[in-house]
PDB file of all heavy atoms in Angstrom:
ATOM      1  N   ALA A   1      91.559  77.953 102.696  1.00  0.00           N
ATOM      2  CA  ALA A   1      90.803  76.670 102.660  1.00  0.00           C
ATOM      3  C   ALA A   1      91.596  75.627 103.549  1.00  0.00           C
ATOM      4  O   ALA A   1      90.870  74.793 104.167  1.00  0.00           O
ATOM      5  CB  ALA A   1      90.917  76.125 101.142  1.00  0.00           C
ATOM      6  N   GLN A   2      92.877  75.624 103.608  1.00  0.00           N
ATOM      7  CA  GLN A   2      93.579  74.698 104.378  1.00  0.00           C
ATOM      8  C   GLN A   2      93.568  74.980 105.917  1.00  0.00           C
ATOM      9  O   GLN A   2      93.620  74.062 106.688  1.00  0.00           O
ATOM     10  CB  GLN A   2      95.083  74.618 103.797  1.00  0.00           C
ATOM     11  CG  GLN A   2      95.153  74.020 102.417  1.00  0.00           C
ATOM     12  CD  GLN A   2      94.728  72.572 102.406  1.00  0.00           C
ATOM     13  OE1 GLN A   2      93.595  72.190 102.089  1.00  0.00           O
ATOM     14  NE2 GLN A   2      95.693  71.722 102.757  1.00  0.00           N
ATOM     15  N   LEU A   3      93.648  76.246 106.189  1.00  0.00           N
ATOM     16  CA  LEU A   3      93.511  76.593 107.694  1.00  0.00           C
ATOM     17  C   LEU A   3      92.569  77.769 107.826  1.00  0.00           C
ATOM     18  O   LEU A   3      93.056  78.949 107.973  1.00  0.00           O
ATOM     19  CB  LEU A   3      94.955  76.900 108.150  1.00  0.00           C
ATOM     20  CG  LEU A   3      95.162  77.332 109.564  1.00  0.00           C
ATOM     21  CD1 LEU A   3      94.650  76.246 110.561  1.00  0.00           C
ATOM     22  CD2 LEU A   3      96.530  77.671 109.940  1.00  0.00           C
ATOM     23  N   PRO A   4      91.321  77.551 107.861  1.00  0.00           N
ATOM     24  CA  PRO A   4      90.272  78.612 108.002  1.00  0.00           C
ATOM     25  C   PRO A   4      90.459  79.291 109.388  1.00  0.00           C
ATOM     26  O   PRO A   4      90.715  78.706 110.365  1.00  0.00           O
ATOM     27  CB  PRO A   4      88.981  77.914 107.852  1.00  0.00           C
ATOM     28  CG  PRO A   4      89.276  76.634 107.222  1.00  0.00           C
ATOM     29  CD  PRO A   4      90.597  76.183 107.714  1.00  0.00           C
ATOM     30  N   ARG A   5      90.329  80.678 109.281  1.00  0.00           N
ATOM     31  CA  ARG A   5      90.386  81.475 110.535  1.00  0.00           C
ATOM     32  C   ARG A   5      89.128  82.340 110.693  1.00  0.00           C
ATOM     33  O   ARG A   5      88.933  82.862 111.886  1.00  0.00           O
ATOM     34  CB  ARG A   5      91.576  82.392 110.526  1.00  0.00           C
ATOM     35  CG  ARG A   5      92.996  81.714 110.457  1.00  0.00           C
ATOM     36  CD  ARG A   5      94.084  82.781 110.318  1.00  0.00           C
ATOM     37  NE  ARG A   5      95.402  82.124 110.094  1.00  0.00           N
ATOM     38  CZ  ARG A   5      96.451  82.782 109.739  1.00  0.00           C
ATOM     39  NH1 ARG A   5      96.364  84.216 109.556  1.00  0.00           N
ATOM     40  NH2 ARG A   5      97.557  82.248 109.468  1.00  0.00           N
ATOM     41  N   VAL A   6      88.255  82.394 109.702  1.00  0.00           N
ATOM     42  CA  VAL A   6      87.100  83.241 109.829  1.00  0.00           C
ATOM     43  C   VAL A   6      85.953  82.412 109.496  1.00  0.00           C
ATOM     44  O   VAL A   6      86.102  81.395 108.830  1.00  0.00           O
ATOM     45  CB  VAL A   6      87.279  84.505 109.020  1.00  0.00           C
ATOM     46  CG1 VAL A   6      88.301  85.372 109.407  1.00  0.00           C
ATOM     47  CG2 VAL A   6      87.417  84.201 107.453  1.00  0.00           C
ATOM     48  N   THR A   7      84.732  82.898 109.965  1.00  0.00           N
ATOM     49  CA  THR A   7      83.544  82.099 109.672  1.00  0.00           C
ATOM     50  C   THR A   7      82.802  82.588 108.439  1.00  0.00           C
ATOM     51  O   THR A   7      81.925  81.836 107.826  1.00  0.00           O
ATOM     52  CB  THR A   7      82.612  82.146 110.846  1.00  0.00           C
ATOM     53  OG1 THR A   7      82.356  83.544 111.149  1.00  0.00           O
ATOM     54  CG2 THR A   7      83.198  81.478 112.037  1.00  0.00           C
ATOM     55  N   SER A   8      82.992  83.852 108.114  1.00  0.00           N
ATOM     56  CA  SER A   8      82.263  84.428 106.905  1.00  0.00           C
ATOM     57  C   SER A   8      82.934  84.224 105.652  1.00  0.00           C
ATOM     58  O   SER A   8      84.162  84.384 105.507  1.00  0.00           O
ATOM     59  CB  SER A   8      82.068  85.985 107.147  1.00  0.00           C
ATOM     60  OG  SER A   8      81.470  86.567 106.024  1.00  0.00           O
ATOM     61  N   LEU A   9      82.192  83.879 104.605  1.00  0.00           N
ATOM     62  CA  LEU A   9      82.798  83.686 103.190  1.00  0.00           C
ATOM     63  C   LEU A   9      82.320  84.737 102.414  1.00  0.00           C
ATOM     64  O   LEU A   9      82.499  84.778 101.103  1.00  0.00           O
ATOM     65  CB  LEU A   9      82.327  82.312 102.609  1.00  0.00           C
ATOM     66  CG  LEU A   9      82.869  81.031 103.299  1.00  0.00           C
ATOM     67  CD1 LEU A   9      82.274  79.827 102.643  1.00  0.00           C
ATOM     68  CD2 LEU A   9      84.394  81.100 103.036  1.00  0.00           C
ATOM     69  N   ASP A  10      81.553  85.689 102.955  1.00  0.00           N
ATOM     70  CA  ASP A  10      81.082  86.898 102.141  1.00  0.00           C
ATOM     71  C   ASP A  10      82.176  87.840 101.742  1.00  0.00           C
ATOM     72  O   ASP A  10      82.825  88.467 102.606  1.00  0.00           O
ATOM     73  CB  ASP A  10      79.955  87.635 103.008  1.00  0.00           C
ATOM     74  CG  ASP A  10      79.396  88.816 102.113  1.00  0.00           C
ATOM     75  OD1 ASP A  10      79.755  88.965 100.978  1.00  0.00           O
ATOM     76  OD2 ASP A  10      78.564  89.514 102.691  1.00  0.00           O
ATOM     77  N   PRO A  11      82.545  87.894 100.483  1.00  0.00           N
ATOM     78  CA  PRO A  11      83.678  88.816 100.069  1.00  0.00           C
ATOM     79  C   PRO A  11      83.549  90.215 100.356  1.00  0.00           C
ATOM     80  O   PRO A  11      84.372  91.026 100.548  1.00  0.00           O
ATOM     81  CB  PRO A  11      83.748  88.557  98.542  1.00  0.00           C
ATOM     82  CG  PRO A  11      82.423  88.091  98.104  1.00  0.00           C
ATOM     83  CD  PRO A  11      81.903  87.292  99.344  1.00  0.00           C
ATOM     84  N   LEU A  12      82.248  90.735 100.492  1.00  0.00           N
ATOM     85  CA  LEU A  12      81.978  92.111 100.868  1.00  0.00           C
ATOM     86  C   LEU A  12      82.358  92.337 102.231  1.00  0.00           C
ATOM     87  O   LEU A  12      82.544  93.546 102.619  1.00  0.00           O
ATOM     88  CB  LEU A  12      80.493  92.317 100.743  1.00  0.00           C
ATOM     89  CG  LEU A  12      79.913  92.192  99.365  1.00  0.00           C
ATOM     90  CD1 LEU A  12      78.313  92.499  99.469  1.00  0.00           C
ATOM     91  CD2 LEU A  12      80.525  93.182  98.447  1.00  0.00           C
ATOM     92  N   THR A  13      82.798  91.414 103.082  1.00  0.00           N
ATOM     93  CA  THR A  13      83.250  91.586 104.388  1.00  0.00           C
ATOM     94  C   THR A  13      84.702  92.116 104.380  1.00  0.00           C
ATOM     95  O   THR A  13      85.184  92.673 105.348  1.00  0.00           O
ATOM     96  CB  THR A  13      83.178  90.235 105.268  1.00  0.00           C
ATOM     97  OG1 THR A  13      81.835  89.812 105.112  1.00  0.00           O
ATOM     98  CG2 THR A  13      83.618  90.561 106.714  1.00  0.00           C
ATOM     99  N   TYR A  14      85.431  91.827 103.249  1.00  0.00           N
ATOM    100  CA  TYR A  14      86.827  92.152 103.178  1.00  0.00           C
ATOM    101  C   TYR A  14      87.169  93.048 102.021  1.00  0.00           C
ATOM    102  O   TYR A  14      88.079  92.839 101.227  1.00  0.00           O
ATOM    103  CB  TYR A  14      87.645  90.799 103.066  1.00  0.00           C
ATOM    104  CG  TYR A  14      87.218  89.794 103.981  1.00  0.00           C
ATOM    105  CD1 TYR A  14      86.418  88.691 103.613  1.00  0.00           C
ATOM    106  CD2 TYR A  14      87.454  89.816 105.337  1.00  0.00           C
ATOM    107  CE1 TYR A  14      85.945  87.695 104.404  1.00  0.00           C
ATOM    108  CE2 TYR A  14      87.038  88.912 106.262  1.00  0.00           C
ATOM    109  CZ  TYR A  14      86.314  87.803 105.725  1.00  0.00           C
ATOM    110  OH  TYR A  14      85.883  86.909 106.677  1.00  0.00           O
ATOM    111  N   GLN A  15      86.405  94.161 101.936  1.00  0.00           N
ATOM    112  CA  GLN A  15      86.474  95.128 100.865  1.00  0.00           C
ATOM    113  C   GLN A  15      87.505  96.200 101.076  1.00  0.00           C
ATOM    114  O   GLN A  15      87.751  97.039 100.176  1.00  0.00           O
ATOM    115  CB  GLN A  15      85.134  95.692 100.478  1.00  0.00           C
ATOM    116  CG  GLN A  15      84.163  94.746  99.755  1.00  0.00           C
ATOM    117  CD  GLN A  15      84.766  94.174  98.449  1.00  0.00           C
ATOM    118  OE1 GLN A  15      85.130  94.912  97.541  1.00  0.00           O
ATOM    119  NE2 GLN A  15      85.008  92.880  98.384  1.00  0.00           N
ATOM    120  N   GLU A  16      88.134  96.279 102.211  1.00  0.00           N
ATOM    121  CA  GLU A  16      89.061  97.320 102.517  1.00  0.00           C
ATOM    122  C   GLU A  16      90.267  97.232 101.529  1.00  0.00           C
ATOM    123  O   GLU A  16      90.564  96.069 101.029  1.00  0.00           O
ATOM    124  CB  GLU A  16      89.528  97.237 103.976  1.00  0.00           C
ATOM    125  CG  GLU A  16      90.245  96.006 104.438  1.00  0.00           C
ATOM    126  CD  GLU A  16      90.431  95.977 105.880  1.00  0.00           C
ATOM    127  OE1 GLU A  16      91.287  96.744 106.391  1.00  0.00           O
ATOM    128  OE2 GLU A  16      89.897  95.133 106.583  1.00  0.00           O
ATOM    129  N   GLU A  17      91.011  98.259 101.523  1.00  0.00           N
ATOM    130  CA  GLU A  17      92.183  98.304 100.653  1.00  0.00           C
ATOM    131  C   GLU A  17      93.199  97.152 101.022  1.00  0.00           C
ATOM    132  O   GLU A  17      93.395  96.879 102.140  1.00  0.00           O
ATOM    133  CB  GLU A  17      92.956  99.691 100.738  1.00  0.00           C
ATOM    134  CG  GLU A  17      94.036  99.791  99.706  1.00  0.00           C
ATOM    135  CD  GLU A  17      94.769 101.141  99.824  1.00  0.00           C
ATOM    136  OE1 GLU A  17      94.692 101.774 100.918  1.00  0.00           O
ATOM    137  OE2 GLU A  17      95.458 101.593  98.833  1.00  0.00           O
ATOM    138  N   PHE A  18      93.825  96.564  99.995  1.00  0.00           N
ATOM    139  CA  PHE A  18      94.885  95.566 100.104  1.00  0.00           C
ATOM    140  C   PHE A  18      94.303  94.170 100.346  1.00  0.00           C
ATOM    141  O   PHE A  18      94.989  93.189 100.110  1.00  0.00           O
ATOM    142  CB  PHE A  18      95.812  95.861 101.314  1.00  0.00           C
ATOM    143  CG  PHE A  18      96.426  97.248 101.283  1.00  0.00           C
ATOM    144  CD1 PHE A  18      96.212  98.080 102.379  1.00  0.00           C
ATOM    145  CD2 PHE A  18      97.239  97.644 100.259  1.00  0.00           C
ATOM    146  CE1 PHE A  18      96.808  99.317 102.329  1.00  0.00           C
ATOM    147  CE2 PHE A  18      97.768  98.836 100.236  1.00  0.00           C
ATOM    148  CZ  PHE A  18      97.635  99.688 101.284  1.00  0.00           C
ATOM    149  N   TYR A  19      93.025  93.914 100.633  1.00  0.00           N
ATOM    150  CA  TYR A  19      92.462  92.644 100.926  1.00  0.00           C
ATOM    151  C   TYR A  19      91.690  92.105  99.778  1.00  0.00           C
ATOM    152  O   TYR A  19      91.556  90.859  99.571  1.00  0.00           O
ATOM    153  CB  TYR A  19      91.667  92.636 102.110  1.00  0.00           C
ATOM    154  CG  TYR A  19      92.491  92.681 103.488  1.00  0.00           C
ATOM    155  CD1 TYR A  19      92.994  93.833 103.901  1.00  0.00           C
ATOM    156  CD2 TYR A  19      92.736  91.451 104.130  1.00  0.00           C
ATOM    157  CE1 TYR A  19      93.809  93.863 105.090  1.00  0.00           C
ATOM    158  CE2 TYR A  19      93.678  91.436 105.248  1.00  0.00           C
ATOM    159  CZ  TYR A  19      94.092  92.579 105.710  1.00  0.00           C
ATOM    160  OH  TYR A  19      94.891  92.643 106.776  1.00  0.00           O
ATOM    161  N   PHE A  20      91.089  92.838  98.960  1.00  0.00           N
ATOM    162  CA  PHE A  20      90.360  92.438  97.781  1.00  0.00           C
ATOM    163  C   PHE A  20      89.428  91.248  97.876  1.00  0.00           C
ATOM    164  O   PHE A  20      89.398  90.300  97.152  1.00  0.00           O
ATOM    165  CB  PHE A  20      91.361  92.001  96.678  1.00  0.00           C
ATOM    166  CG  PHE A  20      92.273  93.146  96.255  1.00  0.00           C
ATOM    167  CD1 PHE A  20      93.535  93.436  96.856  1.00  0.00           C
ATOM    168  CD2 PHE A  20      91.862  94.034  95.273  1.00  0.00           C
ATOM    169  CE1 PHE A  20      94.268  94.408  96.526  1.00  0.00           C
ATOM    170  CE2 PHE A  20      92.635  95.124  94.825  1.00  0.00           C
ATOM    171  CZ  PHE A  20      93.907  95.261  95.464  1.00  0.00           C
ATOM    172  N   GLY A  21      88.585  91.295  99.025  1.00  0.00           N
ATOM    173  CA  GLY A  21      87.509  90.305  99.232  1.00  0.00           C
ATOM    174  C   GLY A  21      88.070  89.041  99.860  1.00  0.00           C
ATOM    175  O   GLY A  21      87.301  88.125  99.922  1.00  0.00           O
ATOM    176  N   GLN A  22      89.297  88.974 100.182  1.00  0.00           N
ATOM    177  CA  GLN A  22      89.804  87.742 100.895  1.00  0.00           C
ATOM    178  C   GLN A  22      90.403  88.121 102.210  1.00  0.00           C
ATOM    179  O   GLN A  22      91.012  89.120 102.388  1.00  0.00           O
ATOM    180  CB  GLN A  22      90.854  87.126 100.044  1.00  0.00           C
ATOM    181  CG  GLN A  22      90.426  86.595  98.657  1.00  0.00           C
ATOM    182  CD  GLN A  22      91.597  86.082  97.831  1.00  0.00           C
ATOM    183  OE1 GLN A  22      92.472  86.828  97.584  1.00  0.00           O
ATOM    184  NE2 GLN A  22      91.519  84.813  97.341  1.00  0.00           N
ATOM    185  N   PRO A  23      90.166  87.193 103.233  1.00  0.00           N
ATOM    186  CA  PRO A  23      90.639  87.462 104.573  1.00  0.00           C
ATOM    187  C   PRO A  23      92.159  87.335 104.742  1.00  0.00           C
ATOM    188  O   PRO A  23      92.771  87.666 105.756  1.00  0.00           O
ATOM    189  CB  PRO A  23      89.961  86.518 105.488  1.00  0.00           C
ATOM    190  CG  PRO A  23      89.510  85.389 104.555  1.00  0.00           C
ATOM    191  CD  PRO A  23      89.369  86.031 103.230  1.00  0.00           C
ATOM    192  N   ARG A  24      92.916  86.700 103.788  1.00  0.00           N
ATOM    193  CA  ARG A  24      94.182  86.261 103.945  1.00  0.00           C
ATOM    194  C   ARG A  24      95.138  86.990 102.878  1.00  0.00           C
ATOM    195  O   ARG A  24      94.638  87.266 101.865  1.00  0.00           O
ATOM    196  CB  ARG A  24      94.378  84.781 103.864  1.00  0.00           C
ATOM    197  CG  ARG A  24      93.514  83.994 104.857  1.00  0.00           C
ATOM    198  CD  ARG A  24      94.079  83.996 106.255  1.00  0.00           C
ATOM    199  NE  ARG A  24      94.970  82.967 106.400  1.00  0.00           N
ATOM    200  CZ  ARG A  24      94.629  81.665 106.699  1.00  0.00           C
ATOM    201  NH1 ARG A  24      93.346  81.382 106.865  1.00  0.00           N
ATOM    202  NH2 ARG A  24      95.605  80.789 106.905  1.00  0.00           N
ATOM    203  N   VAL A  25      96.368  87.002 103.181  1.00  0.00           N
ATOM    204  CA  VAL A  25      97.486  87.452 102.379  1.00  0.00           C
ATOM    205  C   VAL A  25      97.133  88.749 101.718  1.00  0.00           C
ATOM    206  O   VAL A  25      96.965  89.009 100.518  1.00  0.00           O
ATOM    207  CB  VAL A  25      97.755  86.448 101.145  1.00  0.00           C
ATOM    208  CG1 VAL A  25      99.064  86.791 100.490  1.00  0.00           C
ATOM    209  CG2 VAL A  25      97.869  84.988 101.788  1.00  0.00           C
ATOM    210  N   PRO A  26      96.974  89.845 102.477  1.00  0.00           N
ATOM    211  CA  PRO A  26      96.874  91.220 101.921  1.00  0.00           C
ATOM    212  C   PRO A  26      98.038  91.541 101.049  1.00  0.00           C
ATOM    213  O   PRO A  26      99.112  91.094 101.295  1.00  0.00           O
ATOM    214  CB  PRO A  26      96.720  92.046 103.144  1.00  0.00           C
ATOM    215  CG  PRO A  26      97.488  91.333 104.248  1.00  0.00           C
ATOM    216  CD  PRO A  26      97.164  89.887 103.988  1.00  0.00           C
ATOM    217  N   ALA A  27      97.817  92.320  99.968  1.00  0.00           N
ATOM    218  CA  ALA A  27      98.909  92.561  99.032  1.00  0.00           C
ATOM    219  C   ALA A  27      98.927  94.071  98.602  1.00  0.00           C
ATOM    220  O   ALA A  27      97.963  94.808  98.663  1.00  0.00           O
ATOM    221  CB  ALA A  27      98.706  91.802  97.741  1.00  0.00           C
ATOM    222  N   THR A  28     100.095  94.457  98.216  1.00  0.00           N
ATOM    223  CA  THR A  28     100.307  95.850  97.876  1.00  0.00           C
ATOM    224  C   THR A  28      99.863  96.212  96.471  1.00  0.00           C
ATOM    225  O   THR A  28     100.008  97.370  95.931  1.00  0.00           O
ATOM    226  CB  THR A  28     101.727  96.352  97.993  1.00  0.00           C
ATOM    227  OG1 THR A  28     102.553  95.281  97.244  1.00  0.00           O
ATOM    228  CG2 THR A  28     102.270  96.286  99.336  1.00  0.00           C
ATOM    229  N   TYR A  29      99.291  95.176  95.825  1.00  0.00           N
ATOM    230  CA  TYR A  29      98.778  95.346  94.320  1.00  0.00           C
ATOM    231  C   TYR A  29      99.617  96.219  93.495  1.00  0.00           C
ATOM    232  O   TYR A  29      99.218  97.138  92.874  1.00  0.00           O
ATOM    233  CB  TYR A  29      97.377  95.752  94.392  1.00  0.00           C
ATOM    234  CG  TYR A  29      96.933  97.131  94.986  1.00  0.00           C
ATOM    235  CD1 TYR A  29      96.907  98.190  94.101  1.00  0.00           C
ATOM    236  CD2 TYR A  29      96.772  97.256  96.318  1.00  0.00           C
ATOM    237  CE1 TYR A  29      96.533  99.482  94.643  1.00  0.00           C
ATOM    238  CE2 TYR A  29      96.354  98.440  96.880  1.00  0.00           C
ATOM    239  CZ  TYR A  29      96.255  99.570  95.993  1.00  0.00           C
ATOM    240  OH  TYR A  29      96.001 100.817  96.505  1.00  0.00           O
ATOM    241  N   LEU A  30     100.897  95.814  93.314  1.00  0.00           N
ATOM    242  CA  LEU A  30     101.826  96.588  92.488  1.00  0.00           C
ATOM    243  C   LEU A  30     101.314  96.683  91.027  1.00  0.00           C
ATOM    244  O   LEU A  30     100.784  95.742  90.490  1.00  0.00           O
ATOM    245  CB  LEU A  30     103.190  95.896  92.445  1.00  0.00           C
ATOM    246  CG  LEU A  30     103.886  95.693  93.880  1.00  0.00           C
ATOM    247  CD1 LEU A  30     105.248  95.120  93.609  1.00  0.00           C
ATOM    248  CD2 LEU A  30     103.913  96.978  94.598  1.00  0.00           C
ATOM    249  N   ASP A  31     101.447  97.805  90.481  1.00  0.00           N
ATOM    250  CA  ASP A  31     101.132  98.141  89.063  1.00  0.00           C
ATOM    251  C   ASP A  31     102.334  98.648  88.363  1.00  0.00           C
ATOM    252  O   ASP A  31     103.462  98.623  88.884  1.00  0.00           O
ATOM    253  CB  ASP A  31      99.915  99.074  88.976  1.00  0.00           C
ATOM    254  CG  ASP A  31     100.141 100.389  89.721  1.00  0.00           C
ATOM    255  OD1 ASP A  31     101.467 100.739  89.937  1.00  0.00           O
ATOM    256  OD2 ASP A  31      99.214 101.042  90.093  1.00  0.00           O
ATOM    257  N   ARG A  32     102.156  99.113  87.167  1.00  0.00           N
ATOM    258  CA  ARG A  32     103.213  99.496  86.340  1.00  0.00           C
ATOM    259  C   ARG A  32     104.126 100.598  86.921  1.00  0.00           C
ATOM    260  O   ARG A  32     105.267 100.590  86.913  1.00  0.00           O
ATOM    261  CB  ARG A  32     102.709 100.051  84.990  1.00  0.00           C
ATOM    262  CG  ARG A  32     103.777 100.454  84.034  1.00  0.00           C
ATOM    263  CD  ARG A  32     103.137 100.980  82.712  1.00  0.00           C
ATOM    264  NE  ARG A  32     102.226 102.215  82.988  1.00  0.00           N
ATOM    265  CZ  ARG A  32     101.539 102.717  82.153  1.00  0.00           C
ATOM    266  NH1 ARG A  32     101.507 102.357  80.840  1.00  0.00           N
ATOM    267  NH2 ARG A  32     100.791 103.808  82.392  1.00  0.00           N
ATOM    268  N   ASP A  33     103.339 101.624  87.496  1.00  0.00           N
ATOM    269  CA  ASP A  33     104.115 102.760  88.123  1.00  0.00           C
ATOM    270  C   ASP A  33     104.992 102.344  89.352  1.00  0.00           C
ATOM    271  O   ASP A  33     106.080 102.809  89.544  1.00  0.00           O
ATOM    272  CB  ASP A  33     103.141 103.807  88.605  1.00  0.00           C
ATOM    273  CG  ASP A  33     102.526 104.599  87.400  1.00  0.00           C
ATOM    274  OD1 ASP A  33     103.069 104.446  86.257  1.00  0.00           O
ATOM    275  OD2 ASP A  33     101.530 105.243  87.595  1.00  0.00           O
ATOM    276  N   ASP A  34     104.349 101.324  90.098  1.00  0.00           N
ATOM    277  CA  ASP A  34     105.137 100.826  91.184  1.00  0.00           C
ATOM    278  C   ASP A  34     106.482 100.181  90.792  1.00  0.00           C
ATOM    279  O   ASP A  34     107.465 100.185  91.464  1.00  0.00           O
ATOM    280  CB  ASP A  34     104.313  99.841  92.066  1.00  0.00           C
ATOM    281  CG  ASP A  34     103.097 100.583  92.667  1.00  0.00           C
ATOM    282  OD1 ASP A  34     103.228 101.687  93.110  1.00  0.00           O
ATOM    283  OD2 ASP A  34     101.983  99.892  92.628  1.00  0.00           O
ATOM    284  N   PHE A  35     106.387  99.404  89.721  1.00  0.00           N
ATOM    285  CA  PHE A  35     107.584  98.722  89.224  1.00  0.00           C
ATOM    286  C   PHE A  35     108.659  99.658  88.687  1.00  0.00           C
ATOM    287  O   PHE A  35     109.794  99.372  88.757  1.00  0.00           O
ATOM    288  CB  PHE A  35     107.170  97.738  88.100  1.00  0.00           C
ATOM    289  CG  PHE A  35     106.685  96.412  88.649  1.00  0.00           C
ATOM    290  CD1 PHE A  35     105.253  96.185  88.545  1.00  0.00           C
ATOM    291  CD2 PHE A  35     107.451  95.504  89.305  1.00  0.00           C
ATOM    292  CE1 PHE A  35     104.742  95.006  89.111  1.00  0.00           C
ATOM    293  CE2 PHE A  35     106.946  94.309  89.829  1.00  0.00           C
ATOM    294  CZ  PHE A  35     105.587  94.040  89.665  1.00  0.00           C
ATOM    295  N   ILE A  36     108.196 100.867  88.310  1.00  0.00           N
ATOM    296  CA  ILE A  36     109.097 101.880  87.767  1.00  0.00           C
ATOM    297  C   ILE A  36     109.668 102.751  89.016  1.00  0.00           C
ATOM    298  O   ILE A  36     110.865 102.963  89.103  1.00  0.00           O
ATOM    299  CB  ILE A  36     108.410 102.845  86.761  1.00  0.00           C
ATOM    300  CG1 ILE A  36     107.968 101.930  85.593  1.00  0.00           C
ATOM    301  CG2 ILE A  36     109.321 103.912  86.378  1.00  0.00           C
ATOM    302  CD1 ILE A  36     107.234 102.722  84.520  1.00  0.00           C
ATOM    303  N   PHE A  37     108.831 103.170  89.836  1.00  0.00           N
ATOM    304  CA  PHE A  37     109.112 104.196  90.867  1.00  0.00           C
ATOM    305  C   PHE A  37     109.249 103.588  92.322  1.00  0.00           C
ATOM    306  O   PHE A  37     109.658 104.277  93.220  1.00  0.00           O
ATOM    307  CB  PHE A  37     108.175 105.401  90.874  1.00  0.00           C
ATOM    308  CG  PHE A  37     107.995 106.047  89.605  1.00  0.00           C
ATOM    309  CD1 PHE A  37     106.884 105.876  88.817  1.00  0.00           C
ATOM    310  CD2 PHE A  37     109.040 106.866  89.159  1.00  0.00           C
ATOM    311  CE1 PHE A  37     106.760 106.578  87.677  1.00  0.00           C
ATOM    312  CE2 PHE A  37     108.980 107.467  87.859  1.00  0.00           C
ATOM    313  CZ  PHE A  37     107.806 107.286  87.148  1.00  0.00           C
ATOM    314  N   GLY A  38     108.896 102.323  92.484  1.00  0.00           N
ATOM    315  CA  GLY A  38     108.956 101.734  93.768  1.00  0.00           C
ATOM    316  C   GLY A  38     107.612 101.715  94.467  1.00  0.00           C
ATOM    317  O   GLY A  38     106.682 102.397  94.053  1.00  0.00           O
ATOM    318  N   ALA A  39     107.458 100.820  95.443  1.00  0.00           N
ATOM    319  CA  ALA A  39     106.301 100.711  96.189  1.00  0.00           C
ATOM    320  C   ALA A  39     106.203 101.308  97.580  1.00  0.00           C
ATOM    321  O   ALA A  39     105.473 100.873  98.531  1.00  0.00           O
ATOM    322  CB  ALA A  39     105.827  99.236  96.307  1.00  0.00           C
ATOM    323  N   SER A  40     106.988 102.343  97.743  1.00  0.00           N
ATOM    324  CA  SER A  40     107.200 102.873  99.110  1.00  0.00           C
ATOM    325  C   SER A  40     105.867 103.341  99.681  1.00  0.00           C
ATOM    326  O   SER A  40     105.533 103.061 100.948  1.00  0.00           O
ATOM    327  CB  SER A  40     108.174 104.055  99.098  1.00  0.00           C
ATOM    328  OG  SER A  40     109.397 103.664  98.645  1.00  0.00           O
ATOM    329  N   ASP A  41     105.056 104.064  98.958  1.00  0.00           N
ATOM    330  CA  ASP A  41     103.812 104.591  99.558  1.00  0.00           C
ATOM    331  C   ASP A  41     102.888 103.475  99.937  1.00  0.00           C
ATOM    332  O   ASP A  41     102.334 103.571 101.144  1.00  0.00           O
ATOM    333  CB  ASP A  41     103.125 105.418  98.489  1.00  0.00           C
ATOM    334  CG  ASP A  41     101.767 105.995  98.955  1.00  0.00           C
ATOM    335  OD1 ASP A  41     101.780 106.740  99.971  1.00  0.00           O
ATOM    336  OD2 ASP A  41     100.788 105.631  98.358  1.00  0.00           O
ATOM    337  N   LYS A  42     102.783 102.446  99.177  1.00  0.00           N
ATOM    338  CA  LYS A  42     101.808 101.386  99.588  1.00  0.00           C
ATOM    339  C   LYS A  42     102.366 100.523 100.794  1.00  0.00           C
ATOM    340  O   LYS A  42     101.599 100.181 101.643  1.00  0.00           O
ATOM    341  CB  LYS A  42     101.587 100.423  98.403  1.00  0.00           C
ATOM    342  CG  LYS A  42     100.728 101.046  97.272  1.00  0.00           C
ATOM    343  CD  LYS A  42     100.578 100.162  96.097  1.00  0.00           C
ATOM    344  CE  LYS A  42      99.701 100.757  95.031  1.00  0.00           C
ATOM    345  NZ  LYS A  42      99.594 100.018  93.753  1.00  0.00           N
ATOM    346  N   LEU A  43     103.687 100.318 100.762  1.00  0.00           N
ATOM    347  CA  LEU A  43     104.247  99.703 101.877  1.00  0.00           C
ATOM    348  C   LEU A  43     104.080 100.381 103.237  1.00  0.00           C
ATOM    349  O   LEU A  43     103.749  99.807 104.349  1.00  0.00           O
ATOM    350  CB  LEU A  43     105.746  99.354 101.686  1.00  0.00           C
ATOM    351  CG  LEU A  43     106.049  98.205 100.701  1.00  0.00           C
ATOM    352  CD1 LEU A  43     107.519  98.298 100.300  1.00  0.00           C
ATOM    353  CD2 LEU A  43     105.723  96.810 101.318  1.00  0.00           C
TER     354      LEU A  43
END
């Protein structure tokens, strides 16, 4: 919102893994197993 970089607001444009419908700040979406065993695979 503060510094737009893309023209589309359609969340379906950003459905790939790690983005979750948003064009910014992709995340490793850590879950319970990651907190126990680490996030090596996702990183």
